[in-house]
Amino acid sequence: MASAKRDHLIDTALDLFYQGGFHAVGIDRVIAQAGIARMTLYNHFKSKDELILATLQRRDEKFLSWFVAAIERLSSPAENQLLTVFDVLDEWFAAEGYAGCMFINAAAEYSDPKNPINVATRKHKQLVLEHVQEIARGSGVVDPDDVADGIVLLMEGAITTSFVCGDRHAAIKAKRAARKLIG
């Protein structure tokens, strides 16, 4: 069973890494923000990389849970859930504290494909793809896996455009393209 201090450390580090970046945020800042002793951190994590992996796992769990629930909440019988994913992204982009995709950011900072942090980013992206494939298979589109691949590419483009270019309407633009893809 995870301890409350471990959970607090993960949540604190997650917020700091998401807003400030993995390399830019040092262990001293995490310790200070969490209000714990250095030894407490190292009792739970052998290294900063181990803490980063724990934060990515937590973010993966939180994001996927939110993403699935938001699709359900925003879906209407009149609109394909494949299009609803863009409404979900639009909601995310407008949220206070939005700082892009933590997994894209991690992959940029840890670009070696063999690095466990990079591996964790790909695992997350694969889980998102699998969920979108599931939606596509249930939507009745022709070639659902191919459509899901296209939807996820549009999602990733919207995420990157929203953050890098500051285009908070990127999801709505991607949704228009997705309508054409779905047919």
N, C-alpha and C. Protein backbone atom coordinates (compact mmCIF):
# COMPACT_ATOMS: atom_id res chain seq x y z
N MET A 1 0.85 -1.18 0.00
CA MET A 1 0.00 0.00 0.00
C MET A 1 0.90 1.25 0.00
N ALA A 2 0.58 2.17 -0.88
CA ALA A 2 1.38 3.38 -0.98
C ALA A 2 1.12 4.28 0.24
N SER A 3 2.18 4.90 0.69
CA SER A 3 2.04 5.78 1.84
C SER A 3 1.52 7.15 1.41
N ALA A 4 0.94 7.86 2.36
CA ALA A 4 0.42 9.20 2.09
C ALA A 4 1.56 10.14 1.70
N LYS A 5 2.73 9.99 2.32
CA LYS A 5 3.86 10.86 1.97
C LYS A 5 4.34 10.58 0.55
N ARG A 6 4.36 9.31 0.16
CA ARG A 6 4.77 8.96 -1.20
C ARG A 6 3.79 9.58 -2.21
N ASP A 7 2.50 9.43 -1.94
CA ASP A 7 1.49 10.02 -2.82
C ASP A 7 1.63 11.54 -2.90
N HIS A 8 1.88 12.16 -1.75
CA HIS A 8 2.06 13.61 -1.71
C HIS A 8 3.28 14.02 -2.54
N LEU A 9 4.36 13.27 -2.43
CA LEU A 9 5.56 13.55 -3.21
C LEU A 9 5.28 13.44 -4.71
N ILE A 10 4.59 12.38 -5.10
CA ILE A 10 4.27 12.18 -6.51
C ILE A 10 3.40 13.32 -7.02
N ASP A 11 2.37 13.67 -6.27
CA ASP A 11 1.46 14.73 -6.71
C ASP A 11 2.18 16.08 -6.79
N THR A 12 3.03 16.36 -5.82
CA THR A 12 3.81 17.60 -5.83
C THR A 12 4.75 17.64 -7.03
N ALA A 13 5.49 16.55 -7.22
CA ALA A 13 6.43 16.47 -8.35
C ALA A 13 5.69 16.55 -9.68
N LEU A 14 4.55 15.91 -9.77
CA LEU A 14 3.77 15.94 -11.00
C LEU A 14 3.43 17.38 -11.37
N ASP A 15 2.91 18.13 -10.42
CA ASP A 15 2.57 19.54 -10.67
C ASP A 15 3.79 20.35 -11.08
N LEU A 16 4.89 20.16 -10.36
CA LEU A 16 6.11 20.93 -10.66
C LEU A 16 6.69 20.55 -12.02
N PHE A 17 6.78 19.26 -12.31
CA PHE A 17 7.33 18.82 -13.59
C PHE A 17 6.44 19.25 -14.75
N TYR A 18 5.13 19.18 -14.56
CA TYR A 18 4.20 19.56 -15.62
C TYR A 18 4.34 21.04 -15.96
N GLN A 19 4.45 21.87 -14.95
CA GLN A 19 4.54 23.31 -15.18
C GLN A 19 5.96 23.77 -15.54
N GLY A 20 6.98 23.10 -14.99
CA GLY A 20 8.33 23.61 -15.15
C GLY A 20 9.28 22.77 -15.99
N GLY A 21 8.92 21.54 -16.27
CA GLY A 21 9.80 20.65 -17.03
C GLY A 21 10.59 19.74 -16.11
N PHE A 22 11.02 18.64 -16.64
CA PHE A 22 11.69 17.61 -15.84
C PHE A 22 13.13 17.99 -15.50
N HIS A 23 13.86 18.49 -16.47
CA HIS A 23 15.25 18.87 -16.20
C HIS A 23 15.34 20.16 -15.40
N ALA A 24 14.43 21.08 -15.65
CA ALA A 24 14.48 22.39 -14.99
C ALA A 24 14.09 22.34 -13.52
N VAL A 25 13.25 21.39 -13.15
CA VAL A 25 12.82 21.27 -11.75
C VAL A 25 13.73 20.28 -11.04
N GLY A 26 14.45 20.77 -10.07
CA GLY A 26 15.37 19.93 -9.32
C GLY A 26 14.73 19.27 -8.11
N ILE A 27 15.41 18.29 -7.60
CA ILE A 27 14.94 17.56 -6.41
C ILE A 27 14.77 18.51 -5.22
N ASP A 28 15.67 19.48 -5.07
CA ASP A 28 15.55 20.43 -3.95
C ASP A 28 14.23 21.19 -4.00
N ARG A 29 13.81 21.54 -5.20
CA ARG A 29 12.53 22.26 -5.33
C ARG A 29 11.35 21.34 -4.98
N VAL A 30 11.42 20.09 -5.40
CA VAL A 30 10.36 19.13 -5.06
C VAL A 30 10.28 18.95 -3.55
N ILE A 31 11.44 18.79 -2.92
CA ILE A 31 11.49 18.60 -1.47
C ILE A 31 10.92 19.82 -0.75
N ALA A 32 11.33 21.00 -1.18
CA ALA A 32 10.84 22.23 -0.54
C ALA A 32 9.33 22.39 -0.73
N GLN A 33 8.86 22.17 -1.94
CA GLN A 33 7.43 22.32 -2.23
C GLN A 33 6.59 21.28 -1.48
N ALA A 34 7.12 20.07 -1.36
CA ALA A 34 6.40 19.00 -0.67
C ALA A 34 6.48 19.15 0.85
N GLY A 35 7.47 19.92 1.31
CA GLY A 35 7.63 20.11 2.75
C GLY A 35 8.08 18.84 3.46
N ILE A 36 8.98 18.12 2.82
CA ILE A 36 9.48 16.87 3.41
C ILE A 36 11.01 16.91 3.48
N ALA A 37 11.55 15.98 4.21
CA ALA A 37 13.01 15.87 4.31
C ALA A 37 13.56 15.11 3.10
N ARG A 38 14.80 15.41 2.76
CA ARG A 38 15.47 14.74 1.64
C ARG A 38 15.44 13.22 1.84
N MET A 39 15.66 12.78 3.06
CA MET A 39 15.69 11.35 3.35
C MET A 39 14.33 10.71 3.07
N THR A 40 13.25 11.44 3.31
CA THR A 40 11.91 10.92 3.03
C THR A 40 11.75 10.65 1.55
N LEU A 41 12.23 11.58 0.73
CA LEU A 41 12.16 11.39 -0.72
C LEU A 41 12.93 10.13 -1.12
N TYR A 42 14.16 10.01 -0.61
CA TYR A 42 15.00 8.89 -1.01
C TYR A 42 14.59 7.57 -0.35
N ASN A 43 13.75 7.63 0.67
CA ASN A 43 13.17 6.40 1.21
C ASN A 43 12.12 5.83 0.24
N HIS A 44 11.54 6.70 -0.56
CA HIS A 44 10.50 6.27 -1.49
C HIS A 44 11.00 6.12 -2.92
N PHE A 45 12.02 6.87 -3.30
CA PHE A 45 12.53 6.85 -4.67
C PHE A 45 14.05 6.86 -4.65
N LYS A 46 14.65 5.94 -5.40
CA LYS A 46 16.11 5.83 -5.42
C LYS A 46 16.77 6.95 -6.21
N SER A 47 16.00 7.56 -7.12
CA SER A 47 16.57 8.60 -7.99
C SER A 47 15.47 9.53 -8.48
N LYS A 48 15.90 10.62 -9.08
CA LYS A 48 14.95 11.55 -9.70
C LYS A 48 14.21 10.85 -10.83
N ASP A 49 14.91 10.04 -11.61
CA ASP A 49 14.27 9.32 -12.71
C ASP A 49 13.16 8.40 -12.20
N GLU A 50 13.38 7.76 -11.08
CA GLU A 50 12.35 6.90 -10.49
C GLU A 50 11.13 7.73 -10.08
N LEU A 51 11.37 8.92 -9.54
CA LEU A 51 10.28 9.82 -9.19
C LEU A 51 9.54 10.28 -10.46
N ILE A 52 10.27 10.59 -11.50
CA ILE A 52 9.65 10.99 -12.77
C ILE A 52 8.77 9.87 -13.30
N LEU A 53 9.26 8.65 -13.27
CA LEU A 53 8.45 7.51 -13.73
C LEU A 53 7.17 7.37 -12.92
N ALA A 54 7.26 7.59 -11.62
CA ALA A 54 6.07 7.52 -10.77
C ALA A 54 5.09 8.64 -11.12
N THR A 55 5.61 9.83 -11.44
CA THR A 55 4.71 10.93 -11.81
C THR A 55 4.06 10.66 -13.15
N LEU A 56 4.79 10.07 -14.07
CA LEU A 56 4.20 9.74 -15.38
C LEU A 56 3.12 8.67 -15.23
N GLN A 57 3.36 7.71 -14.36
CA GLN A 57 2.34 6.69 -14.12
C GLN A 57 1.08 7.32 -13.53
N ARG A 58 1.27 8.22 -12.56
CA ARG A 58 0.13 8.90 -11.95
C ARG A 58 -0.61 9.74 -12.99
N ARG A 59 0.15 10.47 -13.81
CA ARG A 59 -0.47 11.32 -14.84
C ARG A 59 -1.23 10.45 -15.85
N ASP A 60 -0.64 9.32 -16.22
CA ASP A 60 -1.30 8.40 -17.13
C ASP A 60 -2.64 7.96 -16.56
N GLU A 61 -2.66 7.54 -15.32
CA GLU A 61 -3.90 7.09 -14.67
C GLU A 61 -4.93 8.21 -14.62
N LYS A 62 -4.49 9.39 -14.20
CA LYS A 62 -5.41 10.53 -14.07
C LYS A 62 -5.93 10.97 -15.43
N PHE A 63 -5.03 11.08 -16.40
CA PHE A 63 -5.43 11.57 -17.71
C PHE A 63 -6.40 10.61 -18.38
N LEU A 64 -6.07 9.32 -18.40
CA LEU A 64 -6.94 8.36 -19.07
C LEU A 64 -8.31 8.28 -18.40
N SER A 65 -8.33 8.33 -17.09
CA SER A 65 -9.59 8.31 -16.37
C SER A 65 -10.43 9.54 -16.73
N TRP A 66 -9.80 10.72 -16.72
CA TRP A 66 -10.48 11.95 -17.08
C TRP A 66 -10.95 11.90 -18.54
N PHE A 67 -10.08 11.47 -19.44
CA PHE A 67 -10.35 11.44 -20.87
C PHE A 67 -11.57 10.57 -21.17
N VAL A 68 -11.60 9.37 -20.63
CA VAL A 68 -12.71 8.45 -20.86
C VAL A 68 -14.00 9.03 -20.28
N ALA A 69 -13.94 9.55 -19.06
CA ALA A 69 -15.14 10.13 -18.43
C ALA A 69 -15.61 11.36 -19.19
N ALA A 70 -14.70 12.18 -19.66
CA ALA A 70 -15.08 13.40 -20.40
C ALA A 70 -15.74 13.05 -21.73
N ILE A 71 -15.25 12.02 -22.40
CA ILE A 71 -15.89 11.60 -23.65
C ILE A 71 -17.32 11.17 -23.37
N GLU A 72 -17.51 10.39 -22.32
CA GLU A 72 -18.86 9.96 -21.95
C GLU A 72 -19.75 11.16 -21.61
N ARG A 73 -19.20 12.08 -20.85
CA ARG A 73 -19.96 13.25 -20.40
C ARG A 73 -20.35 14.16 -21.56
N LEU A 74 -19.45 14.34 -22.53
CA LEU A 74 -19.69 15.28 -23.61
C LEU A 74 -20.35 14.65 -24.84
N SER A 75 -20.43 13.33 -24.86
CA SER A 75 -21.02 12.66 -26.03
C SER A 75 -22.51 12.90 -26.10
N SER A 76 -22.97 13.00 -27.34
CA SER A 76 -24.41 13.08 -27.57
C SER A 76 -24.75 12.02 -28.61
N PRO A 77 -25.97 11.52 -28.57
CA PRO A 77 -26.35 10.50 -29.55
C PRO A 77 -26.21 10.97 -31.00
N ALA A 78 -26.30 12.27 -31.19
CA ALA A 78 -26.24 12.82 -32.55
C ALA A 78 -24.82 12.91 -33.11
N GLU A 79 -23.83 12.80 -32.24
CA GLU A 79 -22.45 12.99 -32.72
C GLU A 79 -21.60 11.77 -32.40
N ASN A 80 -20.79 11.38 -33.33
CA ASN A 80 -19.87 10.28 -33.19
C ASN A 80 -18.87 10.58 -32.06
N GLN A 81 -18.63 9.61 -31.19
CA GLN A 81 -17.67 9.81 -30.10
C GLN A 81 -16.27 10.12 -30.62
N LEU A 82 -15.97 9.70 -31.84
CA LEU A 82 -14.67 10.04 -32.42
C LEU A 82 -14.51 11.55 -32.55
N LEU A 83 -15.61 12.24 -32.80
CA LEU A 83 -15.56 13.70 -32.87
C LEU A 83 -15.55 14.32 -31.48
N THR A 84 -16.17 13.64 -30.54
CA THR A 84 -16.23 14.15 -29.16
C THR A 84 -14.83 14.26 -28.56
N VAL A 85 -13.89 13.42 -28.98
CA VAL A 85 -12.54 13.52 -28.42
C VAL A 85 -11.97 14.93 -28.61
N PHE A 86 -12.36 15.60 -29.65
CA PHE A 86 -11.85 16.95 -29.90
C PHE A 86 -12.52 17.98 -28.99
N ASP A 87 -13.76 17.73 -28.61
CA ASP A 87 -14.42 18.59 -27.62
C ASP A 87 -13.72 18.42 -26.26
N VAL A 88 -13.31 17.20 -25.98
CA VAL A 88 -12.58 16.92 -24.74
C VAL A 88 -11.24 17.65 -24.75
N LEU A 89 -10.54 17.58 -25.88
CA LEU A 89 -9.27 18.31 -25.99
C LEU A 89 -9.49 19.81 -25.85
N ASP A 90 -10.53 20.32 -26.46
CA ASP A 90 -10.83 21.75 -26.38
C ASP A 90 -11.03 22.17 -24.92
N GLU A 91 -11.73 21.34 -24.17
CA GLU A 91 -11.94 21.60 -22.74
C GLU A 91 -10.60 21.61 -22.00
N TRP A 92 -9.74 20.66 -22.31
CA TRP A 92 -8.42 20.56 -21.67
C TRP A 92 -7.58 21.79 -21.99
N PHE A 93 -7.56 22.19 -23.25
CA PHE A 93 -6.74 23.34 -23.66
C PHE A 93 -7.16 24.62 -22.95
N ALA A 94 -8.44 24.72 -22.60
CA ALA A 94 -8.95 25.92 -21.94
C ALA A 94 -8.79 25.88 -20.42
N ALA A 95 -8.38 24.74 -19.90
CA ALA A 95 -8.26 24.58 -18.44
C ALA A 95 -7.12 25.44 -17.88
N GLU A 96 -7.35 25.94 -16.68
CA GLU A 96 -6.31 26.71 -16.00
C GLU A 96 -5.08 25.82 -15.76
N GLY A 97 -3.92 26.35 -16.04
CA GLY A 97 -2.68 25.61 -15.82
C GLY A 97 -2.29 24.68 -16.96
N TYR A 98 -3.05 24.71 -18.06
CA TYR A 98 -2.72 23.86 -19.20
C TYR A 98 -1.29 24.14 -19.66
N ALA A 99 -0.48 23.08 -19.75
CA ALA A 99 0.92 23.22 -20.16
C ALA A 99 1.30 22.15 -21.17
N GLY A 100 0.38 21.85 -22.07
CA GLY A 100 0.65 20.85 -23.10
C GLY A 100 0.54 19.44 -22.54
N CYS A 101 1.09 18.51 -23.28
CA CYS A 101 1.04 17.10 -22.90
C CYS A 101 2.31 16.73 -22.14
N MET A 102 2.14 16.27 -20.94
CA MET A 102 3.28 15.90 -20.10
C MET A 102 4.12 14.80 -20.76
N PHE A 103 3.48 13.95 -21.55
CA PHE A 103 4.19 12.84 -22.18
C PHE A 103 4.99 13.31 -23.39
N ILE A 104 4.43 14.23 -24.16
CA ILE A 104 5.21 14.82 -25.26
C ILE A 104 6.41 15.57 -24.68
N ASN A 105 6.16 16.33 -23.61
CA ASN A 105 7.25 17.08 -22.97
C ASN A 105 8.33 16.13 -22.46
N ALA A 106 7.93 15.03 -21.84
CA ALA A 106 8.90 14.06 -21.32
C ALA A 106 9.69 13.42 -22.45
N ALA A 107 9.00 13.08 -23.54
CA ALA A 107 9.69 12.47 -24.68
C ALA A 107 10.71 13.43 -25.28
N ALA A 108 10.40 14.72 -25.27
CA ALA A 108 11.34 15.71 -25.79
C ALA A 108 12.57 15.83 -24.90
N GLU A 109 12.36 15.73 -23.59
CA GLU A 109 13.48 15.86 -22.66
C GLU A 109 14.28 14.57 -22.51
N TYR A 110 13.65 13.46 -22.75
CA TYR A 110 14.30 12.14 -22.63
C TYR A 110 14.10 11.41 -23.96
N SER A 111 14.86 11.84 -24.96
CA SER A 111 14.62 11.39 -26.34
C SER A 111 15.19 10.01 -26.68
N ASP A 112 16.06 9.47 -25.86
CA ASP A 112 16.61 8.15 -26.13
C ASP A 112 15.48 7.12 -26.03
N PRO A 113 15.15 6.42 -27.12
CA PRO A 113 14.02 5.49 -27.10
C PRO A 113 14.20 4.33 -26.10
N LYS A 114 15.41 4.12 -25.62
CA LYS A 114 15.65 3.05 -24.64
C LYS A 114 15.51 3.54 -23.20
N ASN A 115 15.46 4.85 -23.02
CA ASN A 115 15.32 5.41 -21.68
C ASN A 115 13.94 5.03 -21.13
N PRO A 116 13.88 4.53 -19.90
CA PRO A 116 12.58 4.13 -19.33
C PRO A 116 11.53 5.25 -19.31
N ILE A 117 11.97 6.49 -19.21
CA ILE A 117 11.03 7.61 -19.24
C ILE A 117 10.42 7.73 -20.63
N ASN A 118 11.24 7.61 -21.66
CA ASN A 118 10.74 7.64 -23.02
C ASN A 118 9.81 6.46 -23.29
N VAL A 119 10.17 5.30 -22.78
CA VAL A 119 9.33 4.11 -22.92
C VAL A 119 7.95 4.35 -22.29
N ALA A 120 7.93 4.99 -21.12
CA ALA A 120 6.67 5.29 -20.44
C ALA A 120 5.80 6.23 -21.27
N THR A 121 6.43 7.16 -21.98
CA THR A 121 5.65 8.09 -22.81
C THR A 121 4.98 7.34 -23.96
N ARG A 122 5.70 6.42 -24.56
CA ARG A 122 5.12 5.64 -25.66
C ARG A 122 4.00 4.73 -25.17
N LYS A 123 4.17 4.19 -23.98
CA LYS A 123 3.13 3.34 -23.40
C LYS A 123 1.83 4.14 -23.24
N HIS A 124 1.94 5.35 -22.72
CA HIS A 124 0.76 6.20 -22.56
C HIS A 124 0.09 6.47 -23.90
N LYS A 125 0.89 6.85 -24.88
CA LYS A 125 0.33 7.17 -26.20
C LYS A 125 -0.33 5.93 -26.81
N GLN A 126 0.22 4.76 -26.56
CA GLN A 126 -0.38 3.52 -27.05
C GLN A 126 -1.73 3.27 -26.38
N LEU A 127 -1.84 3.56 -25.09
CA LEU A 127 -3.10 3.38 -24.38
C LEU A 127 -4.18 4.33 -24.91
N VAL A 128 -3.79 5.56 -25.22
CA VAL A 128 -4.74 6.51 -25.81
C VAL A 128 -5.21 5.98 -27.16
N LEU A 129 -4.27 5.53 -27.98
CA LEU A 129 -4.61 4.97 -29.29
C LEU A 129 -5.57 3.79 -29.14
N GLU A 130 -5.30 2.91 -28.20
CA GLU A 130 -6.16 1.75 -28.00
C GLU A 130 -7.57 2.16 -27.61
N HIS A 131 -7.69 3.21 -26.81
CA HIS A 131 -9.03 3.68 -26.44
C HIS A 131 -9.74 4.26 -27.66
N VAL A 132 -9.05 5.03 -28.45
CA VAL A 132 -9.66 5.61 -29.65
C VAL A 132 -10.01 4.49 -30.65
N GLN A 133 -9.18 3.46 -30.75
CA GLN A 133 -9.51 2.32 -31.60
C GLN A 133 -10.80 1.64 -31.13
N GLU A 134 -10.95 1.51 -29.85
CA GLU A 134 -12.16 0.92 -29.28
C GLU A 134 -13.40 1.74 -29.65
N ILE A 135 -13.28 3.05 -29.55
CA ILE A 135 -14.38 3.94 -29.94
C ILE A 135 -14.68 3.77 -31.44
N ALA A 136 -13.63 3.75 -32.25
CA ALA A 136 -13.80 3.64 -33.70
C ALA A 136 -14.48 2.31 -34.07
N ARG A 137 -14.09 1.24 -33.40
CA ARG A 137 -14.69 -0.06 -33.70
C ARG A 137 -16.17 -0.08 -33.36
N GLY A 138 -16.55 0.66 -32.34
CA GLY A 138 -17.96 0.73 -31.96
C GLY A 138 -18.77 1.76 -32.72
N SER A 139 -18.11 2.54 -33.55
CA SER A 139 -18.80 3.64 -34.23
C SER A 139 -19.36 3.27 -35.59
N GLY A 140 -18.94 2.13 -36.11
CA GLY A 140 -19.44 1.70 -37.41
C GLY A 140 -18.69 2.28 -38.60
N VAL A 141 -17.56 2.95 -38.37
CA VAL A 141 -16.79 3.48 -39.51
C VAL A 141 -16.12 2.33 -40.25
N VAL A 142 -15.89 2.56 -41.54
CA VAL A 142 -15.15 1.59 -42.34
C VAL A 142 -13.67 1.70 -41.97
N ASP A 143 -13.02 0.58 -41.80
CA ASP A 143 -11.60 0.51 -41.42
C ASP A 143 -11.33 1.29 -40.13
N PRO A 144 -11.91 0.85 -39.01
CA PRO A 144 -11.83 1.61 -37.76
C PRO A 144 -10.40 1.82 -37.24
N ASP A 145 -9.51 0.85 -37.43
CA ASP A 145 -8.15 1.04 -36.93
C ASP A 145 -7.42 2.13 -37.71
N ASP A 146 -7.66 2.18 -39.02
CA ASP A 146 -7.05 3.23 -39.83
C ASP A 146 -7.63 4.60 -39.46
N VAL A 147 -8.94 4.65 -39.25
CA VAL A 147 -9.58 5.91 -38.84
C VAL A 147 -9.04 6.34 -37.47
N ALA A 148 -8.90 5.38 -36.55
CA ALA A 148 -8.37 5.70 -35.21
C ALA A 148 -6.96 6.26 -35.31
N ASP A 149 -6.14 5.67 -36.17
CA ASP A 149 -4.78 6.21 -36.37
C ASP A 149 -4.84 7.67 -36.81
N GLY A 150 -5.72 7.97 -37.75
CA GLY A 150 -5.86 9.35 -38.22
C GLY A 150 -6.37 10.29 -37.15
N ILE A 151 -7.35 9.82 -36.37
CA ILE A 151 -7.89 10.64 -35.28
C ILE A 151 -6.80 10.96 -34.28
N VAL A 152 -6.00 9.95 -33.91
CA VAL A 152 -4.94 10.17 -32.93
C VAL A 152 -3.88 11.12 -33.49
N LEU A 153 -3.56 11.01 -34.77
CA LEU A 153 -2.62 11.96 -35.37
C LEU A 153 -3.17 13.39 -35.30
N LEU A 154 -4.46 13.54 -35.57
CA LEU A 154 -5.08 14.87 -35.46
C LEU A 154 -5.08 15.35 -34.01
N MET A 155 -5.33 14.44 -33.08
CA MET A 155 -5.29 14.81 -31.65
C MET A 155 -3.89 15.30 -31.27
N GLU A 156 -2.88 14.53 -31.65
CA GLU A 156 -1.50 14.90 -31.30
C GLU A 156 -1.11 16.23 -31.93
N GLY A 157 -1.53 16.44 -33.17
CA GLY A 157 -1.27 17.72 -33.83
C GLY A 157 -1.95 18.87 -33.11
N ALA A 158 -3.19 18.64 -32.68
CA ALA A 158 -3.92 19.68 -31.96
C ALA A 158 -3.26 19.99 -30.62
N ILE A 159 -2.82 18.95 -29.92
CA ILE A 159 -2.16 19.15 -28.62
C ILE A 159 -0.89 19.98 -28.81
N THR A 160 -0.10 19.60 -29.78
CA THR A 160 1.16 20.31 -30.03
C THR A 160 0.90 21.75 -30.48
N THR A 161 -0.03 21.93 -31.39
CA THR A 161 -0.34 23.27 -31.90
C THR A 161 -0.90 24.16 -30.80
N SER A 162 -1.75 23.59 -29.95
CA SER A 162 -2.34 24.40 -28.88
C SER A 162 -1.27 24.93 -27.94
N PHE A 163 -0.30 24.08 -27.64
CA PHE A 163 0.72 24.48 -26.66
C PHE A 163 1.86 25.27 -27.30
N VAL A 164 2.42 24.75 -28.37
CA VAL A 164 3.58 25.39 -28.98
C VAL A 164 3.21 26.73 -29.62
N CYS A 165 2.08 26.76 -30.31
CA CYS A 165 1.67 27.97 -31.02
C CYS A 165 0.67 28.82 -30.24
N GLY A 166 0.22 28.31 -29.10
CA GLY A 166 -0.75 29.05 -28.30
C GLY A 166 -2.13 29.11 -28.93
N ASP A 167 -2.42 28.18 -29.83
CA ASP A 167 -3.71 28.16 -30.52
C ASP A 167 -4.71 27.35 -29.71
N ARG A 168 -5.49 28.02 -28.90
CA ARG A 168 -6.46 27.35 -28.03
C ARG A 168 -7.66 26.82 -28.81
N HIS A 169 -7.71 27.08 -30.11
CA HIS A 169 -8.80 26.57 -30.95
C HIS A 169 -8.34 25.40 -31.82
N ALA A 170 -7.16 24.89 -31.55
CA ALA A 170 -6.60 23.81 -32.37
C ALA A 170 -7.48 22.57 -32.37
N ALA A 171 -8.13 22.28 -31.27
CA ALA A 171 -8.98 21.07 -31.20
C ALA A 171 -10.19 21.21 -32.13
N ILE A 172 -10.75 22.40 -32.19
CA ILE A 172 -11.91 22.62 -33.05
C ILE A 172 -11.50 22.52 -34.52
N LYS A 173 -10.33 23.02 -34.84
CA LYS A 173 -9.81 22.91 -36.21
C LYS A 173 -9.56 21.44 -36.56
N ALA A 174 -8.99 20.70 -35.60
CA ALA A 174 -8.74 19.27 -35.83
C ALA A 174 -10.05 18.50 -35.97
N LYS A 175 -11.07 18.93 -35.24
CA LYS A 175 -12.38 18.28 -35.33
C LYS A 175 -12.96 18.42 -36.73
N ARG A 176 -12.78 19.57 -37.35
CA ARG A 176 -13.25 19.76 -38.73
C ARG A 176 -12.55 18.78 -39.68
N ALA A 177 -11.25 18.61 -39.49
CA ALA A 177 -10.50 17.65 -40.31
C ALA A 177 -10.96 16.23 -40.03
N ALA A 178 -11.27 15.93 -38.77
CA ALA A 178 -11.72 14.58 -38.41
C ALA A 178 -13.05 14.25 -39.06
N ARG A 179 -13.93 15.23 -39.18
CA ARG A 179 -15.22 15.00 -39.85
C ARG A 179 -14.99 14.49 -41.29
N LYS A 180 -14.01 15.08 -41.95
CA LYS A 180 -13.69 14.67 -43.32
C LYS A 180 -13.09 13.27 -43.34
N LEU A 181 -12.28 12.96 -42.34
CA LEU A 181 -11.66 11.64 -42.24
C LEU A 181 -12.70 10.55 -42.00
N ILE A 182 -13.64 10.85 -41.13
CA ILE A 182 -14.67 9.87 -40.78
C ILE A 182 -15.64 9.67 -41.94
N GLY A 183 -15.91 10.77 -42.66
CA GLY A 183 -16.76 10.69 -43.84
C GLY A 183 -18.22 10.80 -43.59
